Protein backbone atom coordinates (compact mmCIF):
# COMPACT_ATOMS: atom_id res chain seq x y z
CA MET A 1 48.54 106.69 81.77
CA ARG A 2 46.37 105.70 84.68
CA THR A 3 47.43 102.31 85.99
CA MET A 4 50.53 100.38 86.87
CA TYR A 5 49.75 98.15 83.89
CA ASP A 6 50.04 101.22 81.62
CA VAL A 7 53.48 101.97 83.09
CA GLN A 8 54.52 98.33 82.61
CA GLN A 9 53.48 98.52 78.95
CA LEU A 10 55.49 101.73 78.51
CA LEU A 11 58.58 100.10 79.99
CA LYS A 12 58.10 97.00 77.81
CA LYS A 13 58.34 99.23 74.72
CA TYR A 14 61.94 99.86 75.78
CA GLY A 15 62.72 96.25 76.63
CA THR A 16 62.31 96.56 80.38
CA TYR A 17 60.47 93.77 82.17
CA VAL A 18 60.27 93.98 85.96
CA HIS A 19 59.34 91.12 88.27
CA LEU A 20 61.19 90.81 91.55
CA GLY A 21 58.51 88.89 93.40
CA LYS A 22 57.34 91.60 95.75
CA ARG A 23 55.07 94.32 94.39
CA ILE A 24 56.69 97.21 96.28
CA TRP A 25 60.12 96.22 94.97
CA ASP A 26 58.72 96.04 91.44
CA ILE A 27 57.35 99.58 91.80
CA GLU A 28 60.67 100.92 93.07
CA LEU A 29 62.64 99.30 90.25
CA MET A 30 60.11 100.50 87.67
CA SER A 31 60.60 104.04 88.98
CA ILE A 32 64.37 103.75 88.58
CA GLU A 33 64.04 102.35 85.06
CA LEU A 34 61.56 105.07 84.14
CA ARG A 35 64.01 107.75 85.31
CA ASN A 36 66.77 106.19 83.19
CA ILE A 37 64.54 106.13 80.12
CA TYR A 38 63.63 109.78 80.70
CA LYS A 39 67.25 110.84 81.28
CA ASN A 40 68.16 109.23 77.97
CA GLU A 41 65.43 111.35 76.32
CA MET A 42 63.44 108.34 75.15
CA ILE A 43 60.18 109.68 76.61
CA ASP A 44 58.89 113.22 77.02
CA LYS A 45 58.42 115.02 80.32
CA PRO A 46 54.58 114.77 80.50
CA THR A 47 54.73 110.99 79.98
CA PHE A 48 57.45 110.69 82.62
CA ILE A 49 55.48 112.74 85.14
CA LYS A 50 52.24 110.80 84.60
CA ALA A 51 54.03 107.47 84.96
CA GLN A 52 55.85 108.59 88.11
CA LEU A 53 52.59 109.76 89.67
CA VAL A 54 51.03 106.37 89.03
CA LEU A 55 54.03 104.60 90.58
CA LYS A 56 54.09 106.89 93.62
CA SER A 57 50.39 106.29 94.19
CA GLU A 58 50.84 102.52 93.94
CA HIS A 59 53.86 102.69 96.25
CA ARG A 60 51.82 104.51 98.90
CA LYS A 61 49.08 101.87 98.65
CA GLU A 62 51.62 99.08 99.15
CA GLU A 63 53.22 100.84 102.12
CA LYS A 64 49.79 101.23 103.69
CA LYS A 65 49.04 97.52 103.15
CA GLU A 66 52.33 96.51 104.73
CA GLU A 67 51.74 98.86 107.65
CA GLU A 68 48.26 97.44 108.26
CA SER A 69 49.42 93.84 108.02
CA SER A 70 52.18 94.41 110.58
CA LYS A 71 49.69 95.58 113.23
């Protein structure tokens, strides 16, 4: 699991499709859905951690973009 696309594919396996129209919102909702899938023991801990790390990294990138565009 290395990209946001990989995380999207994982979520799709469980019937979760996320598209809110703004990338940072998509990332936040994907993180929530991922936590729910993990809490329901549908994925193992290493998969959960890898996916969360990808989402956190993407979230930081989006925050940085927004910060730079507001200057």
